[in-house]
Amino acid sequence: MTNFNHVLIELIMPTLIKNLPSKIKENKLKTGIFLGLSAYWSLILIGTLVTFN
């Protein structure tokens, strides 16, 4: 069982470590776009409500 775990770690871990920076960058990009669009639409909705009131 120990040899299997060791082989598994040696095979899988390098690919995870290589892909980790791109995954973090991709998630930060998605989060940034989402927050930017949310702030933009919030300002539009608030401005519209203030104008009508």
N, C-alpha and C. Protein backbone atom coordinates (compact mmCIF):
# COMPACT_ATOMS: atom_id res chain seq x y z
N MET A 1 0.82 -1.19 0.00
CA MET A 1 0.00 0.00 0.00
C MET A 1 0.87 1.25 0.00
N THR A 2 1.98 1.22 0.71
CA THR A 2 2.86 2.37 0.78
C THR A 2 3.49 2.65 -0.57
N ASN A 3 3.90 1.61 -1.29
CA ASN A 3 4.49 1.80 -2.61
C ASN A 3 3.48 2.38 -3.58
N PHE A 4 2.24 1.93 -3.50
CA PHE A 4 1.19 2.46 -4.36
C PHE A 4 0.96 3.94 -4.10
N ASN A 5 0.91 4.34 -2.83
CA ASN A 5 0.73 5.75 -2.49
C ASN A 5 1.91 6.58 -2.97
N HIS A 6 3.11 6.04 -2.83
CA HIS A 6 4.31 6.76 -3.27
C HIS A 6 4.29 6.97 -4.78
N VAL A 7 3.95 5.94 -5.52
CA VAL A 7 3.88 6.04 -6.98
C VAL A 7 2.77 7.01 -7.38
N LEU A 8 1.65 6.94 -6.71
CA LEU A 8 0.52 7.82 -6.99
C LEU A 8 0.91 9.28 -6.77
N ILE A 9 1.59 9.55 -5.68
CA ILE A 9 2.02 10.91 -5.37
C ILE A 9 3.03 11.40 -6.41
N GLU A 10 3.95 10.55 -6.83
CA GLU A 10 4.96 10.96 -7.81
C GLU A 10 4.35 11.19 -9.19
N LEU A 11 3.30 10.49 -9.53
CA LEU A 11 2.69 10.65 -10.85
C LEU A 11 1.72 11.83 -10.90
N ILE A 12 0.92 12.01 -9.86
CA ILE A 12 -0.14 13.00 -9.90
C ILE A 12 0.31 14.37 -9.42
N MET A 13 1.13 14.43 -8.39
CA MET A 13 1.50 15.71 -7.79
C MET A 13 2.20 16.66 -8.76
N PRO A 14 3.15 16.22 -9.59
CA PRO A 14 3.79 17.19 -10.49
C PRO A 14 2.80 17.86 -11.45
N THR A 15 1.81 17.13 -11.93
CA THR A 15 0.84 17.75 -12.83
C THR A 15 -0.03 18.74 -12.08
N LEU A 16 -0.37 18.43 -10.83
CA LEU A 16 -1.16 19.36 -10.04
C LEU A 16 -0.36 20.62 -9.74
N ILE A 17 0.91 20.46 -9.42
CA ILE A 17 1.75 21.62 -9.11
C ILE A 17 1.96 22.47 -10.35
N LYS A 18 2.11 21.84 -11.52
CA LYS A 18 2.28 22.60 -12.76
C LYS A 18 1.02 23.37 -13.12
N ASN A 19 -0.14 22.79 -12.91
CA ASN A 19 -1.40 23.42 -13.29
C ASN A 19 -1.91 24.40 -12.24
N LEU A 20 -1.36 24.37 -11.05
CA LEU A 20 -1.87 25.21 -9.97
C LEU A 20 -1.77 26.71 -10.27
N PRO A 21 -0.64 27.24 -10.74
CA PRO A 21 -0.59 28.68 -11.01
C PRO A 21 -1.61 29.14 -12.06
N SER A 22 -1.81 28.34 -13.09
CA SER A 22 -2.78 28.74 -14.12
C SER A 22 -4.20 28.69 -13.56
N LYS A 23 -4.49 27.74 -12.68
CA LYS A 23 -5.82 27.66 -12.08
C LYS A 23 -6.06 28.86 -11.17
N ILE A 24 -5.05 29.24 -10.39
CA ILE A 24 -5.20 30.40 -9.50
C ILE A 24 -5.40 31.66 -10.33
N LYS A 25 -4.61 31.81 -11.40
CA LYS A 25 -4.74 32.99 -12.25
C LYS A 25 -6.10 33.02 -12.91
N GLU A 26 -6.59 31.87 -13.36
CA GLU A 26 -7.90 31.79 -14.01
C GLU A 26 -9.00 32.16 -13.03
N ASN A 27 -8.89 31.67 -11.79
CA ASN A 27 -9.91 31.98 -10.78
C ASN A 27 -9.89 33.46 -10.41
N LYS A 28 -8.70 34.06 -10.30
CA LYS A 28 -8.61 35.49 -9.99
C LYS A 28 -9.20 36.32 -11.11
N LEU A 29 -8.97 35.90 -12.34
CA LEU A 29 -9.52 36.62 -13.49
C LEU A 29 -11.04 36.55 -13.48
N LYS A 30 -11.58 35.37 -13.26
CA LYS A 30 -13.04 35.21 -13.23
C LYS A 30 -13.65 36.01 -12.08
N THR A 31 -13.01 35.97 -10.92
CA THR A 31 -13.51 36.70 -9.77
C THR A 31 -13.46 38.20 -10.02
N GLY A 32 -12.37 38.68 -10.62
CA GLY A 32 -12.24 40.10 -10.92
C GLY A 32 -13.29 40.57 -11.90
N ILE A 33 -13.53 39.79 -12.94
CA ILE A 33 -14.56 40.15 -13.93
C ILE A 33 -15.94 40.16 -13.27
N PHE A 34 -16.21 39.14 -12.47
CA PHE A 34 -17.51 39.06 -11.79
C PHE A 34 -17.73 40.25 -10.86
N LEU A 35 -16.71 40.58 -10.05
CA LEU A 35 -16.85 41.71 -9.12
C LEU A 35 -16.98 43.03 -9.87
N GLY A 36 -16.22 43.18 -10.95
CA GLY A 36 -16.31 44.41 -11.74
C GLY A 36 -17.68 44.59 -12.35
N LEU A 37 -18.21 43.54 -12.94
CA LEU A 37 -19.54 43.63 -13.54
C LEU A 37 -20.62 43.83 -12.49
N SER A 38 -20.45 43.19 -11.34
CA SER A 38 -21.43 43.37 -10.25
C SER A 38 -21.43 44.82 -9.78
N ALA A 39 -20.25 45.41 -9.60
CA ALA A 39 -20.18 46.81 -9.17
C ALA A 39 -20.78 47.73 -10.22
N TYR A 40 -20.51 47.46 -11.49
CA TYR A 40 -21.03 48.27 -12.60
C TYR A 40 -22.56 48.25 -12.61
N TRP A 41 -23.14 47.05 -12.54
CA TRP A 41 -24.59 46.95 -12.59
C TRP A 41 -25.23 47.47 -11.32
N SER A 42 -24.55 47.35 -10.19
CA SER A 42 -25.08 47.92 -8.94
C SER A 42 -25.17 49.43 -9.04
N LEU A 43 -24.13 50.06 -9.60
CA LEU A 43 -24.17 51.51 -9.77
C LEU A 43 -25.29 51.94 -10.71
N ILE A 44 -25.50 51.18 -11.76
CA ILE A 44 -26.58 51.50 -12.70
C ILE A 44 -27.93 51.39 -12.01
N LEU A 45 -28.15 50.29 -11.25
CA LEU A 45 -29.43 50.11 -10.56
C LEU A 45 -29.65 51.17 -9.49
N ILE A 46 -28.62 51.47 -8.71
CA ILE A 46 -28.75 52.49 -7.65
C ILE A 46 -29.03 53.85 -8.28
N GLY A 47 -28.30 54.18 -9.34
CA GLY A 47 -28.52 55.46 -10.02
C GLY A 47 -29.93 55.56 -10.59
N THR A 48 -30.44 54.48 -11.12
CA THR A 48 -31.80 54.49 -11.66
C THR A 48 -32.82 54.68 -10.55
N LEU A 49 -32.66 54.00 -9.44
CA LEU A 49 -33.60 54.13 -8.32
C LEU A 49 -33.55 55.53 -7.72
N VAL A 50 -32.36 56.11 -7.60
CA VAL A 50 -32.24 57.47 -7.06
C VAL A 50 -32.89 58.47 -7.99
N THR A 51 -32.73 58.28 -9.29
CA THR A 51 -33.30 59.20 -10.27
C THR A 51 -34.82 59.16 -10.21
N PHE A 52 -35.42 57.98 -10.09
CA PHE A 52 -36.87 57.87 -10.05
C PHE A 52 -37.45 58.37 -8.74
N ASN A 53 -36.68 58.32 -7.68
CA ASN A 53 -37.19 58.79 -6.38
C ASN A 53 -36.92 60.27 -6.32
